[in-house]
Protein backbone atom coordinates (compact mmCIF):
# COMPACT_ATOMS: atom_id res chain seq x y z
CA MET A 1 -188.91 37.73 -137.07
CA GLY A 2 -189.68 34.29 -138.81
CA PHE A 3 -189.76 33.11 -142.52
CA ALA A 4 -190.86 29.57 -143.95
CA ARG A 5 -191.72 28.17 -147.32
CA THR A 6 -193.54 25.53 -148.77
CA CYS A 7 -194.78 24.79 -152.19
CA SER A 8 -198.35 24.39 -154.30
CA VAL A 9 -198.99 24.26 -157.55
CA THR A 10 -201.24 26.84 -160.53
CA LEU A 11 -202.60 25.42 -163.59
CA VAL A 12 -202.25 27.05 -166.81
CA GLY A 13 -204.67 25.29 -169.07
CA VAL A 14 -203.83 21.64 -168.41
CA GLU A 15 -200.14 22.38 -167.33
CA GLY A 16 -198.75 22.88 -164.05
CA VAL A 17 -196.47 25.21 -163.01
CA VAL A 18 -194.65 24.58 -159.31
CA VAL A 19 -195.10 28.07 -157.12
CA GLU A 20 -193.27 28.36 -153.84
CA VAL A 21 -195.39 29.68 -151.18
CA GLN A 22 -193.40 32.15 -148.84
CA ALA A 23 -194.27 33.69 -145.30
CA ASP A 24 -192.54 36.07 -143.61
CA LEU A 25 -193.37 37.86 -140.07
CA GLU A 26 -192.31 41.04 -138.77
CA PRO A 27 -192.67 43.32 -136.01
CA GLY A 28 -195.24 45.61 -136.52
CA VAL A 29 -199.14 46.35 -136.92
CA ALA A 30 -201.31 43.26 -137.59
CA ALA A 31 -201.75 42.92 -141.49
CA PHE A 32 -201.87 40.56 -143.95
CA THR A 33 -200.32 40.82 -147.61
CA LEU A 34 -200.19 38.50 -150.21
CA VAL A 35 -198.40 39.32 -153.52
CA GLY A 36 -197.52 37.34 -156.32
CA LEU A 37 -200.27 38.24 -159.42
CA PRO A 38 -203.21 36.51 -157.15
CA ASP A 39 -206.56 36.54 -158.56
CA LYS A 40 -209.98 37.10 -156.78
CA SER A 41 -210.63 33.47 -155.26
CA LEU A 42 -206.70 33.35 -154.11
CA THR A 43 -206.93 36.87 -152.41
CA GLU A 44 -210.14 35.71 -150.45
CA SER A 45 -207.58 33.04 -149.11
CA ARG A 46 -206.55 35.47 -146.48
CA ASP A 47 -210.06 35.53 -144.95
CA ARG A 48 -210.26 31.41 -145.26
CA VAL A 49 -207.12 30.83 -143.89
CA ARG A 50 -207.17 32.81 -141.00
CA ALA A 51 -210.38 31.64 -139.54
CA ALA A 52 -209.51 27.69 -140.77
CA VAL A 53 -206.36 28.22 -138.30
CA VAL A 54 -208.42 29.94 -135.61
CA ASN A 55 -211.16 27.05 -135.93
CA SER A 56 -208.50 24.53 -135.85
CA GLY A 57 -207.13 25.51 -132.69
CA GLY A 58 -203.92 27.53 -133.66
CA GLU A 59 -203.10 31.06 -133.01
CA TRP A 60 -202.79 33.51 -135.67
CA PRO A 61 -199.88 35.69 -135.40
CA GLN A 62 -200.47 38.91 -134.40
CA LYS A 63 -197.62 40.45 -136.39
CA LYS A 64 -196.86 41.89 -139.81
CA LEU A 65 -197.56 38.62 -142.49
CA THR A 66 -196.33 38.86 -145.78
CA VAL A 67 -197.07 35.87 -147.81
CA GLY A 68 -195.77 35.59 -151.49
CA LEU A 69 -196.21 33.55 -154.57
CA SER A 70 -192.74 32.65 -156.47
CA PRO A 71 -192.28 33.11 -159.28
CA ALA A 72 -194.43 36.30 -159.47
CA SER A 73 -194.52 36.78 -162.88
CA VAL A 74 -196.87 33.72 -163.62
CA PRO A 75 -200.55 34.67 -162.52
CA LYS A 76 -202.08 32.49 -159.76
CA ALA A 77 -205.88 31.28 -159.54
CA GLY A 78 -208.17 29.46 -157.70
CA SER A 79 -208.59 27.76 -154.13
CA GLY A 80 -205.76 25.53 -154.15
CA PHE A 81 -203.20 26.98 -152.26
CA ASP A 82 -204.86 27.58 -149.32
CA LEU A 83 -203.35 24.69 -147.55
CA ALA A 84 -199.66 25.79 -148.62
CA VAL A 85 -200.63 29.40 -147.34
CA ALA A 86 -201.91 27.92 -143.77
CA CYS A 87 -198.67 25.74 -143.50
CA ALA A 88 -196.27 28.55 -144.44
CA VAL A 89 -198.05 31.08 -141.87
CA LEU A 90 -197.87 28.50 -139.09
CA ALA A 91 -194.31 27.82 -139.50
CA ALA A 92 -193.33 31.17 -139.57
CA SER A 93 -194.57 31.37 -136.36
CA GLU A 94 -193.15 27.88 -135.26
CA ARG A 95 -196.09 26.22 -134.73
CA ILE A 96 -194.61 24.02 -137.28
CA ASP A 97 -191.13 22.95 -138.23
CA PRO A 98 -189.94 24.88 -141.11
CA ARG A 99 -187.81 22.42 -142.08
CA VAL A 100 -190.38 19.59 -142.74
CA LEU A 101 -192.00 21.76 -145.19
CA SER A 102 -189.44 22.64 -147.76
CA ASP A 103 -189.74 19.34 -149.69
CA ILE A 104 -193.48 19.25 -149.55
CA VAL A 105 -196.18 20.24 -151.98
CA MET A 106 -199.81 21.05 -150.79
CA ILE A 107 -202.69 21.32 -152.88
CA GLY A 108 -206.35 22.09 -151.69
CA GLU A 109 -208.86 24.76 -150.41
CA LEU A 110 -209.51 25.39 -146.80
CA GLY A 111 -213.31 25.66 -145.13
CA LEU A 112 -213.51 28.06 -142.62
CA ASP A 113 -214.21 25.18 -140.23
CA GLY A 114 -210.62 23.91 -141.28
CA ARG A 115 -211.93 20.91 -143.29
CA VAL A 116 -209.72 20.51 -146.79
CA ARG A 117 -211.98 20.47 -149.41
CA PRO A 118 -211.21 19.09 -153.19
CA VAL A 119 -209.79 21.75 -156.19
CA ARG A 120 -209.88 21.16 -159.89
CA GLY A 121 -206.77 19.80 -161.60
CA ILE A 122 -205.32 17.51 -158.81
CA LEU A 123 -204.09 15.23 -161.42
CA PRO A 124 -202.09 17.67 -163.73
CA ALA A 125 -201.18 19.53 -160.49
CA VAL A 126 -199.57 16.57 -159.16
CA LEU A 127 -197.70 15.75 -162.54
CA ALA A 128 -196.25 18.67 -162.12
CA ALA A 129 -194.88 18.74 -158.89
CA ALA A 130 -193.44 15.13 -159.93
CA ASP A 131 -191.64 16.74 -163.19
CA ALA A 132 -190.39 19.23 -160.84
CA GLY A 133 -188.59 16.63 -158.45
CA PHE A 134 -190.72 16.54 -155.61
CA GLU A 135 -191.84 12.97 -154.27
CA GLN A 136 -194.65 14.00 -151.68
CA VAL A 137 -197.75 15.75 -152.00
CA VAL A 138 -200.66 17.07 -149.56
CA VAL A 139 -203.72 16.61 -150.97
CA PRO A 140 -207.57 16.44 -149.81
CA GLU A 141 -208.43 12.65 -148.95
CA CYS A 142 -211.15 12.65 -151.32
CA ALA A 143 -208.70 13.75 -153.97
CA ALA A 144 -205.86 11.06 -153.01
CA ALA A 145 -206.82 8.38 -155.80
CA GLU A 146 -206.33 10.79 -158.48
CA ALA A 147 -203.44 11.86 -157.16
CA ALA A 148 -201.90 8.33 -156.72
CA LEU A 149 -202.14 7.83 -160.37
CA VAL A 150 -198.73 9.90 -160.59
CA PRO A 151 -196.10 6.92 -160.26
CA GLY A 152 -193.08 7.94 -157.79
CA VAL A 153 -195.01 10.57 -155.54
CA SER A 154 -196.28 9.69 -151.95
CA VAL A 155 -199.55 10.91 -151.45
CA LEU A 156 -201.11 11.90 -147.97
CA GLY A 157 -204.76 12.49 -147.93
CA VAL A 158 -206.20 14.72 -145.13
CA ARG A 159 -209.84 15.47 -143.80
CA SER A 160 -208.91 18.81 -142.27
CA LEU A 161 -206.22 21.22 -141.67
CA ARG A 162 -205.56 20.14 -137.92
CA GLN A 163 -204.93 16.41 -139.28
CA LEU A 164 -202.22 17.67 -141.31
CA ILE A 165 -200.77 20.08 -138.49
CA ALA A 166 -201.01 16.75 -136.40
CA VAL A 167 -199.06 14.85 -139.14
CA LEU A 168 -196.31 17.20 -139.58
CA THR A 169 -195.65 17.86 -135.82
CA ASP A 170 -195.90 14.26 -134.74
CA GLU A 171 -199.02 14.66 -132.51
CA PRO A 172 -201.89 12.11 -132.57
CA VAL A 173 -203.76 12.30 -135.32
CA PRO A 174 -207.87 13.47 -134.52
CA ASP A 175 -210.18 11.62 -136.40
CA GLU A 176 -212.22 13.91 -138.56
CA GLU A 177 -215.85 13.61 -140.26
CA PRO A 178 -215.05 12.38 -144.01
CA PHE A 179 -216.01 15.28 -146.35
CA GLU A 180 -219.15 14.93 -147.77
CA PRO A 181 -219.78 16.68 -151.10
CA GLU A 182 -222.52 18.75 -151.33
CA ARG A 183 -225.55 17.88 -153.62
CA PRO A 184 -224.84 18.18 -157.26
CA ASP A 185 -225.73 20.68 -159.33
CA PRO A 186 -227.84 19.20 -162.37
CA LEU A 187 -226.02 21.57 -164.65
CA MET A 188 -222.84 20.56 -163.63
CA ALA A 189 -224.23 16.71 -163.68
CA GLY A 190 -225.73 17.28 -167.14
CA LEU A 191 -221.79 18.92 -168.50
CA ARG A 192 -220.06 15.64 -166.51
CA ASP A 193 -222.49 13.26 -168.62
CA LEU A 194 -221.26 14.76 -171.72
CA GLY A 195 -217.70 15.15 -170.94
CA SER A 196 -217.20 11.74 -169.87
CA GLY A 197 -219.46 9.44 -171.57
CA GLY A 198 -222.98 9.99 -170.28
CA ILE A 199 -225.30 7.48 -171.11
CA ILE A 200 -222.68 6.00 -173.54
CA GLY A 201 -220.97 4.07 -170.42
CA MET A 202 -217.81 4.62 -168.60
CA SER A 203 -216.51 1.06 -167.76
CA GLY A 204 -213.71 -0.62 -170.00
CA GLY A 205 -213.87 -4.34 -171.09
CA PRO A 206 -216.88 -6.71 -172.44
CA GLY A 207 -220.31 -5.63 -172.12
CA ARG A 208 -219.37 -1.71 -171.91
CA TYR A 209 -221.39 0.91 -173.48
CA GLU A 210 -224.51 -1.47 -172.68
CA GLY A 211 -227.90 -0.55 -173.89
CA HIS A 212 -225.92 1.09 -177.11
CA ASP A 213 -225.35 -1.81 -179.49
CA LEU A 214 -224.32 -1.16 -183.56
CA SER A 215 -226.91 -4.12 -184.19
CA ASP A 216 -230.16 -1.60 -183.00
CA VAL A 217 -229.45 0.27 -186.04
CA VAL A 218 -231.88 -1.07 -188.71
CA GLY A 219 -230.00 -0.97 -192.54
CA GLN A 220 -227.90 1.94 -193.20
CA HIS A 221 -225.08 -0.38 -194.51
CA SER A 222 -223.09 2.27 -196.06
CA ALA A 223 -223.10 4.29 -192.68
CA ARG A 224 -222.57 1.53 -190.33
CA THR A 225 -219.04 1.09 -193.11
CA ALA A 226 -218.43 4.76 -192.62
CA VAL A 227 -218.81 4.83 -188.67
CA GLU A 228 -216.00 1.81 -188.62
CA VAL A 229 -214.01 3.06 -190.86
CA ALA A 230 -214.15 6.27 -188.84
CA ALA A 231 -213.14 4.71 -185.50
CA ALA A 232 -210.52 2.55 -187.26
CA GLY A 233 -208.63 5.27 -188.61
CA GLY A 234 -209.87 8.44 -186.56
CA HIS A 235 -211.56 9.75 -189.61
CA HIS A 236 -213.98 12.77 -189.04
CA LEU A 237 -217.44 11.73 -190.54
CA PHE A 238 -220.52 13.80 -191.68
CA LEU A 239 -223.80 11.80 -191.93
CA GLU A 240 -226.45 13.81 -194.05
CA GLY A 241 -230.08 12.44 -194.12
CA PRO A 242 -234.10 13.07 -193.04
CA PRO A 243 -234.77 12.96 -189.43
CA GLY A 244 -235.50 9.53 -187.69
CA ALA A 245 -233.12 7.82 -190.07
CA GLY A 246 -230.44 6.63 -187.69
CA LYS A 247 -227.69 9.44 -187.45
CA THR A 248 -227.82 10.25 -183.80
CA MET A 249 -227.65 6.56 -183.06
CA LEU A 250 -225.16 5.74 -185.07
CA ALA A 251 -223.01 8.45 -183.58
CA GLU A 252 -223.86 7.14 -180.19
CA ARG A 253 -222.37 4.29 -180.98
CA VAL A 254 -219.13 5.36 -181.92
CA PRO A 255 -217.47 5.40 -178.77
CA SER A 256 -218.40 1.67 -178.65
CA VAL A 257 -216.36 0.27 -181.26
CA LEU A 258 -213.58 2.81 -180.28
CA PRO A 259 -210.37 0.43 -178.19
CA PRO A 260 -210.12 1.31 -174.57
CA LEU A 261 -207.43 4.37 -173.74
CA ASP A 262 -204.11 3.55 -173.08
CA ARG A 263 -202.19 4.31 -169.81
CA GLN A 264 -201.06 7.71 -172.11
CA ALA A 265 -204.18 8.66 -173.51
CA SER A 266 -206.05 8.02 -169.91
CA LEU A 267 -203.85 10.21 -167.82
CA GLU A 268 -204.38 13.06 -170.79
CA VAL A 269 -208.18 12.97 -170.60
CA THR A 270 -208.59 12.60 -166.66
CA ALA A 271 -206.26 15.93 -166.80
CA VAL A 272 -208.84 17.77 -168.70
CA HIS A 273 -211.72 16.52 -166.85
CA SER A 274 -210.10 17.51 -163.70
CA VAL A 275 -209.00 20.95 -164.66
CA ALA A 276 -213.12 21.53 -165.90
CA GLY A 277 -214.00 19.85 -162.82
CA LEU A 278 -215.84 17.36 -164.35
CA LEU A 279 -214.39 13.63 -163.24
CA PRO A 280 -217.04 11.31 -162.30
CA PRO A 281 -217.52 10.72 -158.90
CA GLY A 282 -215.45 7.96 -157.30
CA ARG A 283 -213.75 7.38 -160.69
CA PRO A 284 -210.36 8.98 -160.67
CA LEU A 285 -208.97 7.59 -164.03
CA ILE A 286 -211.05 7.87 -167.19
CA ASP A 287 -210.10 4.73 -169.58
CA THR A 288 -212.59 4.79 -171.87
CA ALA A 289 -213.14 7.24 -175.04
CA PRO A 290 -215.49 10.29 -173.71
CA TYR A 291 -218.23 11.09 -175.75
CA CYS A 292 -219.75 15.15 -175.89
CA ALA A 293 -222.93 16.25 -177.65
CA PRO A 294 -222.98 20.06 -177.27
CA HIS A 295 -226.40 21.39 -177.91
CA HIS A 296 -226.63 23.48 -181.17
CA SER A 297 -226.92 26.83 -179.13
CA ALA A 298 -223.64 26.25 -177.52
CA THR A 299 -221.04 29.56 -178.17
CA MET A 300 -217.66 29.26 -179.76
CA GLN A 301 -216.27 29.93 -175.96
CA ALA A 302 -218.61 26.69 -175.05
CA LEU A 303 -216.98 24.47 -178.27
CA VAL A 304 -213.30 25.37 -178.23
CA GLY A 305 -212.81 26.57 -174.79
CA GLY A 306 -212.38 30.20 -172.97
CA GLY A 307 -214.62 32.12 -171.14
CA PRO A 308 -213.93 34.84 -168.74
CA GLY A 309 -211.16 35.35 -166.19
CA THR A 310 -209.25 31.77 -166.48
CA ALA A 311 -209.68 29.78 -169.81
CA ARG A 312 -211.84 26.92 -169.11
CA PRO A 313 -211.44 23.60 -171.49
CA GLY A 314 -214.22 23.59 -174.29
CA ALA A 315 -216.04 20.46 -175.65
CA VAL A 316 -213.45 19.91 -178.40
CA SER A 317 -211.14 19.42 -174.95
CA LEU A 318 -213.30 17.58 -173.15
CA SER A 319 -213.78 14.96 -176.24
CA HIS A 320 -209.96 14.84 -176.31
CA ARG A 321 -209.25 10.83 -177.59
CA GLY A 322 -212.98 10.69 -178.14
CA VAL A 323 -215.82 11.45 -179.81
CA LEU A 324 -217.43 14.95 -180.56
CA PHE A 325 -220.69 14.96 -182.01
CA LEU A 326 -222.51 18.01 -183.58
CA ASP A 327 -225.93 16.83 -183.98
CA GLU A 328 -228.13 19.60 -186.14
CA THR A 329 -224.78 20.98 -187.13
CA PRO A 330 -226.30 23.71 -189.33
CA GLU A 331 -227.65 24.99 -186.37
CA PHE A 332 -224.44 26.06 -184.95
CA SER A 333 -223.39 29.37 -185.45
CA SER A 334 -220.91 29.70 -188.42
CA LYS A 335 -218.43 31.12 -185.64
CA ALA A 336 -218.22 28.54 -183.82
CA LEU A 337 -218.00 26.02 -186.46
CA ASP A 338 -215.44 27.96 -188.55
CA ALA A 339 -213.45 27.92 -185.02
CA LEU A 340 -213.09 23.84 -185.05
CA ARG A 341 -210.80 24.42 -188.06
CA GLN A 342 -207.71 25.20 -186.10
CA PRO A 343 -207.93 22.13 -183.69
CA LEU A 344 -208.95 19.59 -186.25
CA GLU A 345 -205.70 20.19 -188.22
CA ALA A 346 -203.29 20.95 -185.23
CA GLY A 347 -205.16 18.44 -182.14
CA HIS A 348 -204.71 21.25 -179.40
CA VAL A 349 -206.37 24.57 -178.81
CA VAL A 350 -204.35 27.55 -178.43
CA ILE A 351 -206.12 30.24 -176.35
CA ALA A 352 -204.86 34.00 -176.05
CA ARG A 353 -205.93 36.24 -173.23
CA SER A 354 -204.26 39.16 -171.65
CA ALA A 355 -203.04 37.34 -169.06
CA GLY A 356 -201.19 34.71 -170.97
CA VAL A 357 -201.35 31.88 -173.52
CA VAL A 358 -203.40 28.80 -172.30
CA ARG A 359 -203.19 25.62 -174.48
CA PHE A 360 -205.77 22.64 -174.58
CA PRO A 361 -205.26 19.01 -175.92
CA ALA A 362 -208.02 18.76 -178.64
CA ARG A 363 -207.55 15.45 -180.81
CA PHE A 364 -210.96 14.19 -181.31
CA LEU A 365 -213.25 12.52 -183.49
CA MET A 366 -215.50 14.49 -184.71
CA VAL A 367 -218.95 12.95 -186.18
CA LEU A 368 -221.50 15.79 -187.80
CA ALA A 369 -225.00 15.41 -188.29
CA ALA A 370 -227.26 17.53 -190.37
CA ASN A 371 -230.89 17.36 -192.21
CA PRO A 372 -230.37 17.91 -196.04
CA CYS A 373 -232.84 21.06 -195.41
CA PRO A 374 -235.13 22.85 -193.16
CA CYS A 375 -237.84 20.54 -193.11
CA GLY A 376 -235.59 17.50 -193.70
CA ARG A 377 -237.44 15.87 -196.18
CA PHE A 378 -235.41 16.50 -199.48
CA SER A 379 -233.93 14.28 -201.31
CA ARG A 380 -233.84 13.43 -205.50
CA SER A 381 -236.32 10.75 -204.90
CA ASP A 382 -238.84 12.48 -202.54
CA ASP A 383 -240.79 15.26 -203.86
CA ARG A 384 -242.71 16.16 -200.19
CA CYS A 385 -240.12 18.63 -199.47
CA GLU A 386 -241.65 22.38 -199.35
CA CYS A 387 -238.63 24.46 -198.69
CA PRO A 388 -238.19 26.68 -201.30
CA PRO A 389 -234.32 26.23 -203.51
CA SER A 390 -233.45 29.33 -201.76
CA ALA A 391 -233.72 27.92 -198.30
CA ILE A 392 -232.36 24.60 -198.74
CA ARG A 393 -228.93 26.46 -200.69
CA ARG A 394 -228.94 28.70 -197.35
CA TYR A 395 -229.41 25.95 -195.18
CA GLN A 396 -226.69 23.86 -196.77
CA THR A 397 -224.18 26.47 -196.94
CA ARG A 398 -224.17 27.27 -193.40
CA LEU A 399 -221.35 24.51 -193.18
CA SER A 400 -218.24 25.94 -194.87
CA GLY A 401 -216.49 24.55 -197.63
CA PRO A 402 -212.87 24.72 -195.69
CA LEU A 403 -214.68 22.83 -192.78
CA LEU A 404 -215.98 20.15 -194.80
CA ASP A 405 -212.71 19.63 -196.83
CA ARG A 406 -211.39 18.54 -193.23
CA VAL A 407 -214.06 16.07 -193.21
CA ASP A 408 -212.87 12.61 -194.21
CA LEU A 409 -215.98 10.43 -194.52
CA ARG A 410 -219.72 12.02 -195.78
CA VAL A 411 -222.52 9.76 -195.92
CA GLU A 412 -226.11 10.01 -197.01
CA VAL A 413 -227.93 8.22 -194.44
CA ASP A 414 -231.50 7.33 -196.33
CA ALA A 415 -234.87 6.74 -194.55
CA VAL A 416 -235.39 3.34 -193.11
CA THR A 417 -237.89 1.49 -195.12
CA ARG A 418 -240.76 -0.88 -193.78
CA GLY A 419 -239.18 -3.93 -195.16
CA GLU A 420 -236.04 -2.83 -193.38
CA LEU A 421 -238.30 -2.31 -190.34
CA THR A 422 -240.35 -5.34 -190.28
CA ALA A 423 -237.93 -8.01 -191.94
CA ALA A 424 -237.15 -10.40 -189.59
CA GLY A 425 -233.45 -11.25 -188.83
CA ALA A 426 -232.60 -7.54 -189.86
CA ARG A 427 -230.55 -6.72 -186.89
CA GLY A 428 -226.72 -6.31 -188.45
CA GLU A 429 -223.17 -6.86 -186.76
CA THR A 430 -222.76 -6.06 -183.02
CA THR A 431 -220.70 -3.60 -181.37
CA ALA A 432 -218.32 -6.37 -179.89
CA THR A 433 -217.92 -7.77 -183.51
CA VAL A 434 -216.96 -4.37 -185.12
CA ALA A 435 -215.04 -3.41 -182.14
CA ASP A 436 -212.78 -6.16 -182.72
CA ARG A 437 -212.00 -5.15 -186.51
CA VAL A 438 -211.16 -1.69 -185.47
CA ARG A 439 -208.99 -3.29 -182.70
CA SER A 440 -207.23 -5.25 -185.41
CA ALA A 441 -206.77 -2.75 -187.99
CA ARG A 442 -205.53 0.15 -185.46
CA GLU A 443 -203.01 -2.78 -183.90
CA ARG A 444 -201.88 -2.92 -187.99
CA ALA A 445 -201.76 0.86 -188.09
CA ALA A 446 -199.59 1.19 -184.96
CA ALA A 447 -197.22 -1.78 -185.96
CA ARG A 448 -196.61 0.22 -189.29
CA PHE A 449 -196.07 3.24 -187.64
CA HIS A 450 -193.73 2.14 -185.02
CA GLY A 451 -190.80 4.72 -184.24
CA THR A 452 -192.99 7.69 -185.56
CA PRO A 453 -195.27 9.72 -183.66
CA TRP A 454 -198.07 8.75 -185.13
CA ARG A 455 -200.54 5.92 -184.37
CA LEU A 456 -203.80 6.28 -186.39
CA ASN A 457 -203.72 6.86 -190.41
CA SER A 458 -205.68 10.03 -189.82
CA GLU A 459 -202.53 11.59 -188.10
CA VAL A 460 -200.31 11.21 -190.76
CA PRO A 461 -199.19 13.96 -192.69
CA GLY A 462 -199.74 13.67 -196.55
CA ARG A 463 -195.98 13.96 -197.76
CA GLU A 464 -195.40 10.88 -195.57
CA LEU A 465 -198.02 9.03 -197.12
CA ARG A 466 -197.37 9.47 -200.45
CA GLY A 467 -193.29 9.12 -200.03
CA ARG A 468 -192.79 6.52 -197.41
CA TRP A 469 -196.33 4.40 -197.21
CA GLN A 470 -197.64 4.54 -201.44
CA ALA A 471 -200.74 2.97 -202.33
CA ALA A 472 -200.55 0.05 -205.01
CA PRO A 473 -199.24 0.65 -208.86
CA GLY A 474 -202.32 2.10 -210.44
CA ALA A 475 -204.47 2.38 -207.36
CA MET A 476 -204.81 6.07 -207.33
CA ASP A 477 -205.61 6.55 -210.82
CA GLU A 478 -209.21 7.43 -210.21
CA ALA A 479 -208.36 9.73 -207.27
CA GLU A 480 -205.98 11.57 -209.57
CA ARG A 481 -208.38 12.41 -212.05
CA SER A 482 -210.78 13.41 -209.44
CA LEU A 483 -208.16 16.11 -208.64
CA GLU A 484 -207.39 17.30 -211.92
CA ARG A 485 -211.24 17.39 -212.63
CA GLY A 486 -211.35 19.73 -209.39
CA VAL A 487 -213.73 17.22 -207.55
CA LEU A 488 -210.76 16.89 -204.73
CA THR A 489 -208.93 19.30 -203.64
CA ALA A 490 -205.19 18.38 -202.64
CA ARG A 491 -205.91 18.33 -199.31
CA GLY A 492 -209.02 15.84 -200.07
CA MET A 493 -206.39 13.73 -202.03
CA ASP A 494 -204.28 13.15 -198.98
CA ARG A 495 -207.59 12.29 -197.13
CA VAL A 496 -208.53 10.03 -199.48
CA LEU A 497 -205.04 8.02 -199.34
CA ARG A 498 -205.38 8.11 -195.24
CA VAL A 499 -209.04 6.14 -195.51
CA ALA A 500 -207.63 3.69 -198.19
CA TRP A 501 -204.93 3.14 -195.74
CA THR A 502 -207.71 2.24 -193.07
CA VAL A 503 -209.77 0.19 -195.22
CA ALA A 504 -207.03 -1.62 -196.20
CA ASP A 505 -206.06 -2.35 -192.44
CA LEU A 506 -209.65 -3.36 -191.76
CA ALA A 507 -209.45 -5.90 -195.04
CA GLY A 508 -206.06 -7.01 -193.95
CA HIS A 509 -205.01 -5.91 -196.66
CA ASP A 510 -200.55 -4.81 -197.05
CA ARG A 511 -201.19 -1.61 -198.87
CA PRO A 512 -204.14 -0.16 -200.51
CA ASP A 513 -205.07 -1.64 -203.64
CA ALA A 514 -207.82 -0.36 -206.34
CA GLY A 515 -210.94 -1.44 -204.51
CA ASP A 516 -209.80 0.23 -201.27
CA VAL A 517 -209.24 3.44 -202.87
CA ALA A 518 -212.51 3.41 -204.48
CA LEU A 519 -214.59 3.06 -201.39
CA ALA A 520 -212.57 5.78 -199.74
CA LEU A 521 -213.47 8.00 -202.39
CA GLN A 522 -216.97 7.07 -202.31
CA LEU A 523 -216.63 7.49 -198.77
CA ARG A 524 -215.02 10.76 -199.30
CA THR A 525 -216.99 11.97 -201.94
CA GLY A 526 -220.59 10.51 -201.76
CA VAL A 527 -220.23 9.34 -205.38
CA PRO A 528 -221.22 5.78 -206.20
CA ARG A 529 -218.15 3.83 -207.83
CA GLY A 530 -219.67 0.40 -208.12
CA VAL A 531 -217.80 -0.84 -205.11
CA PRO A 532 -219.29 -2.86 -202.30
CA MET A 533 -219.44 -1.13 -199.21
CA ALA A 534 -218.92 -4.20 -196.45
CA ILE A 535 -215.55 -4.47 -195.00
CA GLY A 536 -214.51 -8.05 -193.58
CA ALA A 537 -217.33 -10.27 -192.68
CA GLY A 538 -219.99 -7.57 -194.10
CA VAL A 539 -222.51 -5.86 -192.39
């Protein structure tokens, strides 16, 4: 009788659970039993592992083989257990010393020829192994850079099972051809672009997001100010205006003014994209704000996550620490839009399934864009709209009040005039100029919130703002009158105060004054209040 064990990791959302892989050999009719709540892809590992061992020059034991995955109460999914199962079986048959495997975590899929193939979720899996006290992990060679992002862990990247056996038995390591990924699926490549920045850009530092500069946007002073305030404080933004006014251009440039991600945020974003299988090739760490712009035909599962079998991250999680842009927002299903309410408030998504509960991070900056009516030409100063009033009302009510109440900034984007388009020197401030102000404003907010769990004004609860960080005396009078008239809800009142603090940070004020609150109120309600829309050096 032979027994051996090693370890691997299963993922529950973006959280890893270390699983002990045990192999037991007993005399009897040759059979291979896999227990421990495996899913279909894991059950199929019996055939993959057997073929990989044989094709790697090993001998498959002709005995009764039982492989157990512990803890048995946790559902196991995916092909990442193949490497651990193969080594546990070889150790039970005394091809490998069982003592060598006891403190190693192994993650990787095996091809029938013994090659080690990459799997999703390497980073969160290695993070879980490190948290559990393991110091050695074995992963596919092409994923070694991703695993090496976790400090304090020794990473061994292997190309094949044959190489791993040689390392574990102190034999000469054979040379193997490096893994060559298959030709990318155009659909997956498109999803990778949406989830990781796409055309917006991927590299940090000066010159990032090249080709998408705020100076390309003609006019739109109010909308540009709203973009700056949204980026500085993490406030959600709603842009309403006719087609061609620049709503999409503005939304695409929001990530360009966001600061680079810090180390913790980079690991969070990379973990989500790793679980989704959307990490850009050759880029193990995402250090810039992601940008995700799903089509309006996206389902609720595509937006918030889910799907058959193991729940997968949705657009709200792929845009974690970045920007989620919903163009043509009224065209999205009302069910999908209303599902955004919970992640907007909580900063995460909880998906309940019969197999368990999955939690994905979802702290994003949401940008909504919509036309004023189905034809897009409705306005108080333009009579070209031919939509009947009932159609306009029906179109505008597709965005529910509770959803819009969670949006801090609402701006009308007017059509660009001929004079603005053709005027010499009409270009506004560049992305670099605005990004510098945004970075300074965020630094002021971070210093103010030092020692608290918050870093952005949009994250601070209203009770804390009203108690610990109050506006200047009399600054909130107009907002309080709006609350009494029913123009603002209690939630809206708190959001006005949050935006006022962001405006004050951008302007360099110690705390919001009446002008900062008036601008915040104007950005919240869309009602002009006679205050300049420019911040700092202006637009």
